[in-house]
C-alpha atoms as a PDB file:
ATOM      1  CA  UNK A   1       0.000   0.000   0.000  1.00  0.00           C
ATOM      2  CA  UNK A   2       1.327   3.432  -0.949  1.00  0.00           C
ATOM      3  CA  UNK A   3      -0.920   6.329  -0.036  1.00  0.00           C
ATOM      4  CA  UNK A   4       0.659   9.573  -1.174  1.00  0.00           C
ATOM      5  CA  UNK A   5       0.018  12.904   0.509  1.00  0.00           C
ATOM      6  CA  UNK A   6      -0.547  16.193  -1.210  1.00  0.00           C
ATOM      7  CA  UNK A   7       2.612  18.244  -1.581  1.00  0.00           C
ATOM      8  CA  UNK A   8       3.538  20.196   1.538  1.00  0.00           C
ATOM      9  CA  UNK A   9       5.021  23.673   1.219  1.00  0.00           C
ATOM     10  CA  UNK A  10       8.104  24.152   3.381  1.00  0.00           C
ATOM     11  CA  UNK A  11       8.738  27.434   5.058  1.00  0.00           C
ATOM     12  CA  UNK A  12      11.203  29.063   4.609  1.00  0.00           C
ATOM     13  CA  UNK A  13      12.499  26.272   2.365  1.00  0.00           C
ATOM     14  CA  UNK A  14      15.746  24.303   2.347  1.00  0.00           C
ATOM     15  CA  UNK A  15      18.767  24.759   0.097  1.00  0.00           C
ATOM     16  CA  UNK A  16      20.645  21.614  -0.911  1.00  0.00           C
ATOM     17  CA  UNK A  17      23.499  21.707  -3.447  1.00  0.00           C
ATOM     18  CA  UNK A  18      22.422  25.169  -4.544  1.00  0.00           C
ATOM     19  CA  UNK A  19      18.810  24.074  -5.120  1.00  0.00           C
ATOM     20  CA  UNK A  20      16.100  25.586  -2.972  1.00  0.00           C
ATOM     21  CA  UNK A  21      13.588  22.948  -1.945  1.00  0.00           C
ATOM     22  CA  UNK A  22      10.161  24.343  -1.082  1.00  0.00           C
ATOM     23  CA  UNK A  23       7.897  21.327  -1.522  1.00  0.00           C
ATOM     24  CA  UNK A  24       7.814  17.821  -0.117  1.00  0.00           C
ATOM     25  CA  UNK A  25       5.560  14.762  -0.412  1.00  0.00           C
ATOM     26  CA  UNK A  26       5.173  11.975   2.104  1.00  0.00           C
ATOM     27  CA  UNK A  27       3.823   8.462   1.705  1.00  0.00           C
ATOM     28  CA  UNK A  28       3.169   5.378   3.776  1.00  0.00           C
ATOM     29  CA  UNK A  29       5.638   2.542   3.735  1.00  0.00           C
ATOM     30  CA  UNK A  30       4.657  -0.822   2.315  1.00  0.00           C
ATOM     31  CA  UNK A  31       4.403  -3.689   4.791  1.00  0.00           C
ATOM     32  CA  UNK A  32       7.716  -5.118   3.566  1.00  0.00           C
ATOM     33  CA  UNK A  33       9.507  -1.782   3.914  1.00  0.00           C
ATOM     34  CA  UNK A  34       8.094  -1.221   7.373  1.00  0.00           C
ATOM     35  CA  UNK A  35       9.119  -4.701   8.504  1.00  0.00           C
ATOM     36  CA  UNK A  36      12.677  -4.168   7.285  1.00  0.00           C
ATOM     37  CA  UNK A  37      12.983  -0.854   9.120  1.00  0.00           C
ATOM     38  CA  UNK A  38      11.546  -2.146  12.376  1.00  0.00           C
ATOM     39  CA  UNK A  39      14.399  -4.663  12.513  1.00  0.00           C
ATOM     40  CA  UNK A  40      16.934  -1.844  13.007  1.00  0.00           C
ATOM     41  CA  UNK A  41      18.095  -2.257  16.603  1.00  0.00           C
ATOM     42  CA  UNK A  42      19.165   1.301  17.419  1.00  0.00           C
ATOM     43  CA  UNK A  43      15.949   3.229  18.340  1.00  0.00           C
ATOM     44  CA  UNK A  44      17.269   6.593  17.179  1.00  0.00           C
ATOM     45  CA  UNK A  45      18.448   5.273  13.827  1.00  0.00           C
ATOM     46  CA  UNK A  46      15.177   3.383  13.400  1.00  0.00           C
ATOM     47  CA  UNK A  47      13.146   6.532  14.065  1.00  0.00           C
ATOM     48  CA  UNK A  48      15.249   8.659  11.702  1.00  0.00           C
ATOM     49  CA  UNK A  49      15.095   6.048   8.946  1.00  0.00           C
ATOM     50  CA  UNK A  50      11.340   5.653   9.310  1.00  0.00           C
ATOM     51  CA  UNK A  51      10.905   9.397   8.944  1.00  0.00           C
ATOM     52  CA  UNK A  52      13.320   9.673   6.016  1.00  0.00           C
ATOM     53  CA  UNK A  53      11.893   6.675   4.141  1.00  0.00           C
ATOM     54  CA  UNK A  54       8.400   8.166   4.211  1.00  0.00           C
ATOM     55  CA  UNK A  55       9.500  11.253   2.268  1.00  0.00           C
ATOM     56  CA  UNK A  56       8.744  10.146  -1.268  1.00  0.00           C
ATOM     57  CA  UNK A  57       9.823  13.145  -3.291  1.00  0.00           C
ATOM     58  CA  UNK A  58      11.570  16.434  -2.691  1.00  0.00           C
ATOM     59  CA  UNK A  59      11.120  19.184  -5.254  1.00  0.00           C
ATOM     60  CA  UNK A  60      10.550  16.522  -7.880  1.00  0.00           C
ATOM     61  CA  UNK A  61      13.632  14.556  -6.778  1.00  0.00           C
ATOM     62  CA  UNK A  62      13.523  10.919  -5.683  1.00  0.00           C
ATOM     63  CA  UNK A  63      17.266  10.376  -5.407  1.00  0.00           C
ATOM     64  CA  UNK A  64      18.173   8.655  -2.139  1.00  0.00           C
ATOM     65  CA  UNK A  65      21.024  11.030  -1.324  1.00  0.00           C
ATOM     66  CA  UNK A  66      18.864  14.060  -2.032  1.00  0.00           C
ATOM     67  CA  UNK A  67      16.099  12.816   0.264  1.00  0.00           C
ATOM     68  CA  UNK A  68      18.510  12.000   3.097  1.00  0.00           C
ATOM     69  CA  UNK A  69      20.134  15.425   2.786  1.00  0.00           C
ATOM     70  CA  UNK A  70      16.701  16.998   2.795  1.00  0.00           C
ATOM     71  CA  UNK A  71      15.723  15.187   6.011  1.00  0.00           C
ATOM     72  CA  UNK A  72      18.896  16.355   7.725  1.00  0.00           C
ATOM     73  CA  UNK A  73      18.211  20.004   6.877  1.00  0.00           C
ATOM     74  CA  UNK A  74      14.609  20.122   8.073  1.00  0.00           C
ATOM     75  CA  UNK A  75      13.686  22.743  10.632  1.00  0.00           C
ATOM     76  CA  UNK A  76      11.622  21.692  13.637  1.00  0.00           C
ATOM     77  CA  UNK A  77       8.395  23.360  12.405  1.00  0.00           C
ATOM     78  CA  UNK A  78       8.754  21.538   9.084  1.00  0.00           C
ATOM     79  CA  UNK A  79       9.377  18.234  10.864  1.00  0.00           C
ATOM     80  CA  UNK A  80       6.184  18.748  12.857  1.00  0.00           C
ATOM     81  CA  UNK A  81       4.180  19.517   9.728  1.00  0.00           C
ATOM     82  CA  UNK A  82       5.529  16.481   7.888  1.00  0.00           C
ATOM     83  CA  UNK A  83       4.853  14.280  10.909  1.00  0.00           C
ATOM     84  CA  UNK A  84       1.257  15.525  11.061  1.00  0.00           C
ATOM     85  CA  UNK A  85       0.863  14.724   7.369  1.00  0.00           C
ATOM     86  CA  UNK A  86       2.160  11.196   7.968  1.00  0.00           C
ATOM     87  CA  UNK A  87      -0.202  10.775  10.918  1.00  0.00           C
ATOM     88  CA  UNK A  88      -3.103  11.735   8.643  1.00  0.00           C
ATOM     89  CA  UNK A  89      -1.978   9.195   6.058  1.00  0.00           C
ATOM     90  CA  UNK A  90      -1.856   6.505   8.734  1.00  0.00           C
ATOM     91  CA  UNK A  91      -5.444   7.306   9.673  1.00  0.00           C
ATOM     92  CA  UNK A  92      -6.464   7.206   6.006  1.00  0.00           C
ATOM     93  CA  UNK A  93      -4.738   3.843   5.568  1.00  0.00           C
ATOM     94  CA  UNK A  94      -6.463   2.438   8.641  1.00  0.00           C
ATOM     95  CA  UNK A  95      -9.815   3.597   7.268  1.00  0.00           C
ATOM     96  CA  UNK A  96      -9.180   1.998   3.887  1.00  0.00           C
ATOM     97  CA  UNK A  97      -8.107  -1.274   5.482  1.00  0.00           C
ATOM     98  CA  UNK A  98     -10.866  -1.247   8.069  1.00  0.00           C
ATOM     99  CA  UNK A  99     -13.673   0.300   6.039  1.00  0.00           C
ATOM    100  CA  UNK A 100     -16.718  -1.747   6.775  1.00  0.00           C
ATOM    101  CA  UNK A 101     -19.575  -2.492   4.438  1.00  0.00           C
ATOM    102  CA  UNK A 102     -22.759  -3.608   6.191  1.00  0.00           C
ATOM    103  CA  UNK A 103     -23.434  -7.202   5.138  1.00  0.00           C
ATOM    104  CA  UNK A 104     -27.096  -8.140   5.461  1.00  0.00           C
ATOM    105  CA  UNK A 105     -26.054 -11.793   5.875  1.00  0.00           C
ATOM    106  CA  UNK A 106     -23.721 -11.058   8.804  1.00  0.00           C
ATOM    107  CA  UNK A 107     -25.282 -12.072  12.124  1.00  0.00           C
ATOM    108  CA  UNK A 108     -22.944  -9.722  14.026  1.00  0.00           C
ATOM    109  CA  UNK A 109     -24.774  -6.778  12.509  1.00  0.00           C
ATOM    110  CA  UNK A 110     -28.297  -7.984  13.326  1.00  0.00           C
ATOM    111  CA  UNK A 111     -29.062  -5.290  15.895  1.00  0.00           C
ATOM    112  CA  UNK A 112     -27.802  -2.478  13.690  1.00  0.00           C
ATOM    113  CA  UNK A 113     -29.627  -3.934  10.691  1.00  0.00           C
ATOM    114  CA  UNK A 114     -32.890  -4.204  12.590  1.00  0.00           C
ATOM    115  CA  UNK A 115     -32.687  -0.531  13.551  1.00  0.00           C
ATOM    116  CA  UNK A 116     -30.820   0.750  10.474  1.00  0.00           C
ATOM    117  CA  UNK A 117     -33.436   3.217   9.235  1.00  0.00           C
ATOM    118  CA  UNK A 118     -33.975   4.681  12.684  1.00  0.00           C
ATOM    119  CA  UNK A 119     -30.244   4.941  13.379  1.00  0.00           C
ATOM    120  CA  UNK A 120     -29.412   6.333   9.933  1.00  0.00           C
ATOM    121  CA  UNK A 121     -32.178   8.916  10.314  1.00  0.00           C
ATOM    122  CA  UNK A 122     -30.966   9.892  13.773  1.00  0.00           C
ATOM    123  CA  UNK A 123     -27.384  10.229  12.528  1.00  0.00           C
ATOM    124  CA  UNK A 124     -28.456  12.488   9.661  1.00  0.00           C
ATOM    125  CA  UNK A 125     -30.760  14.528  11.892  1.00  0.00           C
ATOM    126  CA  UNK A 126     -27.835  15.066  14.236  1.00  0.00           C
ATOM    127  CA  UNK A 127     -25.609  16.075  11.334  1.00  0.00           C
ATOM    128  CA  UNK A 128     -28.162  18.617  10.075  1.00  0.00           C
ATOM    129  CA  UNK A 129     -28.640  20.094  13.534  1.00  0.00           C
ATOM    130  CA  UNK A 130     -25.143  19.945  14.978  1.00  0.00           C
ATOM    131  CA  UNK A 131     -22.694  19.178  12.189  1.00  0.00           C
ATOM    132  CA  UNK A 132     -20.389  16.194  11.899  1.00  0.00           C
ATOM    133  CA  UNK A 133     -20.586  13.565  14.594  1.00  0.00           C
ATOM    134  CA  UNK A 134     -21.396   9.978  15.469  1.00  0.00           C
ATOM    135  CA  UNK A 135     -23.947   7.882  17.310  1.00  0.00           C
ATOM    136  CA  UNK A 136     -23.079   6.612  20.776  1.00  0.00           C
ATOM    137  CA  UNK A 137     -24.673   3.177  20.618  1.00  0.00           C
ATOM    138  CA  UNK A 138     -25.212   0.520  23.263  1.00  0.00           C
ATOM    139  CA  UNK A 139     -26.204  -2.572  21.279  1.00  0.00           C
ATOM    140  CA  UNK A 140     -28.439  -3.661  24.158  1.00  0.00           C
ATOM    141  CA  UNK A 141     -30.408  -0.411  23.936  1.00  0.00           C
ATOM    142  CA  UNK A 142     -30.326   0.845  20.310  1.00  0.00           C
ATOM    143  CA  UNK A 143     -33.396   3.035  20.889  1.00  0.00           C
ATOM    144  CA  UNK A 144     -31.320   5.116  23.309  1.00  0.00           C
ATOM    145  CA  UNK A 145     -28.576   6.008  20.831  1.00  0.00           C
ATOM    146  CA  UNK A 146     -27.154   9.480  21.420  1.00  0.00           C
ATOM    147  CA  UNK A 147     -25.648  11.789  18.813  1.00  0.00           C
ATOM    148  CA  UNK A 148     -22.237  13.172  19.738  1.00  0.00           C
ATOM    149  CA  UNK A 149     -21.079  16.157  17.674  1.00  0.00           C
ATOM    150  CA  UNK A 150     -17.466  16.485  16.564  1.00  0.00           C
ATOM    151  CA  UNK A 151     -17.290  19.989  18.043  1.00  0.00           C
ATOM    152  CA  UNK A 152     -18.105  18.652  21.498  1.00  0.00           C
ATOM    153  CA  UNK A 153     -15.202  16.171  21.311  1.00  0.00           C
ATOM    154  CA  UNK A 154     -12.553  18.382  19.730  1.00  0.00           C
ATOM    155  CA  UNK A 155      -9.993  20.075  21.918  1.00  0.00           C
ATOM    156  CA  UNK A 156     -10.427  23.765  22.560  1.00  0.00           C
ATOM    157  CA  UNK A 157      -8.010  26.145  20.852  1.00  0.00           C
ATOM    158  CA  UNK A 158      -4.496  25.797  22.224  1.00  0.00           C
ATOM    159  CA  UNK A 159      -5.095  22.347  23.742  1.00  0.00           C
ATOM    160  CA  UNK A 160      -3.736  19.072  22.388  1.00  0.00           C
ATOM    161  CA  UNK A 161      -6.183  16.364  21.391  1.00  0.00           C
ATOM    162  CA  UNK A 162      -5.983  13.268  23.636  1.00  0.00           C
ATOM    163  CA  UNK A 163      -4.081  10.430  21.951  1.00  0.00           C
ATOM    164  CA  UNK A 164      -6.966   8.028  22.446  1.00  0.00           C
ATOM    165  CA  UNK A 165      -9.387  10.304  20.616  1.00  0.00           C
ATOM    166  CA  UNK A 166      -7.192  11.477  17.761  1.00  0.00           C
ATOM    167  CA  UNK A 167      -8.017   8.638  15.370  1.00  0.00           C
ATOM    168  CA  UNK A 168     -11.743   8.839  16.144  1.00  0.00           C
ATOM    169  CA  UNK A 169     -11.784  12.606  15.597  1.00  0.00           C
ATOM    170  CA  UNK A 170      -9.967  12.194  12.295  1.00  0.00           C
ATOM    171  CA  UNK A 171     -12.614   9.655  11.240  1.00  0.00           C
ATOM    172  CA  UNK A 172     -15.389  12.098  12.125  1.00  0.00           C
ATOM    173  CA  UNK A 173     -13.694  14.771  10.016  1.00  0.00           C
ATOM    174  CA  UNK A 174     -13.442  12.491   6.991  1.00  0.00           C
ATOM    175  CA  UNK A 175     -16.598  10.365   6.842  1.00  0.00           C
ATOM    176  CA  UNK A 176     -19.328  11.060   4.277  1.00  0.00           C
ATOM    177  CA  UNK A 177     -22.526  11.949   6.205  1.00  0.00           C
ATOM    178  CA  UNK A 178     -24.586  11.403   3.038  1.00  0.00           C
ATOM    179  CA  UNK A 179     -23.579   7.729   2.863  1.00  0.00           C
ATOM    180  CA  UNK A 180     -21.924   6.686   6.113  1.00  0.00           C
ATOM    181  CA  UNK A 181     -22.697   6.483   9.812  1.00  0.00           C
ATOM    182  CA  UNK A 182     -20.030   6.616  12.493  1.00  0.00           C
ATOM    183  CA  UNK A 183     -20.939   4.475  15.489  1.00  0.00           C
ATOM    184  CA  UNK A 184     -19.247   4.594  18.859  1.00  0.00           C
ATOM    185  CA  UNK A 185     -20.137   1.160  20.248  1.00  0.00           C
ATOM    186  CA  UNK A 186     -20.201   1.356  24.036  1.00  0.00           C
ATOM    187  CA  UNK A 187     -20.733  -1.024  26.935  1.00  0.00           C
ATOM    188  CA  UNK A 188     -23.543  -0.579  29.452  1.00  0.00           C
ATOM    189  CA  UNK A 189     -21.035   1.366  31.555  1.00  0.00           C
ATOM    190  CA  UNK A 190     -20.439   3.641  28.530  1.00  0.00           C
ATOM    191  CA  UNK A 191     -16.875   2.465  28.005  1.00  0.00           C
ATOM    192  CA  UNK A 192     -15.938   2.815  24.335  1.00  0.00           C
ATOM    193  CA  UNK A 193     -15.538  -0.646  22.873  1.00  0.00           C
ATOM    194  CA  UNK A 194     -15.211   0.144  19.185  1.00  0.00           C
ATOM    195  CA  UNK A 195     -15.601   2.865  16.590  1.00  0.00           C
ATOM    196  CA  UNK A 196     -17.174   1.780  13.307  1.00  0.00           C
ATOM    197  CA  UNK A 197     -17.812   3.705  10.111  1.00  0.00           C
ATOM    198  CA  UNK A 198     -20.536   1.882   8.176  1.00  0.00           C
ATOM    199  CA  UNK A 199     -22.332   2.318   4.897  1.00  0.00           C
ATOM    200  CA  UNK A 200     -24.591   0.145   2.804  1.00  0.00           C
ATOM    201  CA  UNK A 201     -24.781  -0.629  -0.878  1.00  0.00           C
ATOM    202  CA  UNK A 202     -27.949  -2.693  -0.363  1.00  0.00           C
ATOM    203  CA  UNK A 203     -31.234  -1.304  -1.670  1.00  0.00           C
ATOM    204  CA  UNK A 204     -32.815  -2.692   1.487  1.00  0.00           C
ATOM    205  CA  UNK A 205     -30.877  -0.228   3.662  1.00  0.00           C
ATOM    206  CA  UNK A 206     -31.413   3.461   2.994  1.00  0.00           C
ATOM    207  CA  UNK A 207     -28.645   6.040   2.936  1.00  0.00           C
ATOM    208  CA  UNK A 208     -28.874   8.490   5.875  1.00  0.00           C
ATOM    209  CA  UNK A 209     -30.661  11.320   3.970  1.00  0.00           C
ATOM    210  CA  UNK A 210     -33.272   8.893   2.585  1.00  0.00           C
ATOM    211  CA  UNK A 211     -33.730   7.277   5.988  1.00  0.00           C
ATOM    212  CA  UNK A 212     -34.200  10.719   7.503  1.00  0.00           C
ATOM    213  CA  UNK A 213     -36.875  11.611   4.942  1.00  0.00           C
ATOM    214  CA  UNK A 214     -38.634   8.291   5.480  1.00  0.00           C
ATOM    215  CA  UNK A 215     -38.704   8.757   9.243  1.00  0.00           C
ATOM    216  CA  UNK A 216     -39.894  12.361   9.095  1.00  0.00           C
ATOM    217  CA  UNK A 217     -42.667  11.479   6.646  1.00  0.00           C
ATOM    218  CA  UNK A 218     -44.377   9.427   9.303  1.00  0.00           C
ATOM    219  CA  UNK A 219     -42.991   5.964   8.594  1.00  0.00           C
ATOM    220  CA  UNK A 220     -41.151   6.182  11.897  1.00  0.00           C
ATOM    221  CA  UNK A 221     -39.835   8.693  14.393  1.00  0.00           C
ATOM    222  CA  UNK A 222     -36.171   9.512  14.987  1.00  0.00           C
ATOM    223  CA  UNK A 223     -36.891  12.412  17.301  1.00  0.00           C
ATOM    224  CA  UNK A 224     -36.637  10.369  20.481  1.00  0.00           C
ATOM    225  CA  UNK A 225     -32.982   9.614  19.797  1.00  0.00           C
ATOM    226  CA  UNK A 226     -31.026  12.425  21.436  1.00  0.00           C
END
């Protein structure tokens, strides 16, 4: 797998061999590349190599020496920006690998399937009223699903996002509310067990906007879901 980022503008730029480098691209490593690098025993060398290997091109260059020289000349702000870009790619890769399609023949999804229209309608109603977010769902009490808006989970300005929430917040920022529902599956004690981003390609299961219209036209009622 090679997921390539958009080019990142460096500020103020780096000069290598008389050439000013102002753009960089990062990518994810393949499984084989990652495995090879994780076998490096020295932690510092392993970390530096991992970072360097994920820089795919520099100002149009892919030469190994050019990339290594580039990595050595990075300023701290640029390192932070490149690291953030790689973190985003990791989230994107995890979503691609873990993207779940509701299977109407899968017994594990019975509860969600039985309440799909109601849940999809509630998710879309929440999106229309409060913006991006997900449904907090206890599978033992699907009628009590609660919509949690992204804004209520995001850190306030100047505060760092908790590590445990970062991936979930990134998923909420990227999902398609017209086709997907983000579920936070919780235990009866409201401990988060799993985060799932589901959509359906079955005609039997309506997309969120259609489910919302069906519920509001009197075929059901999503209003009791908070």
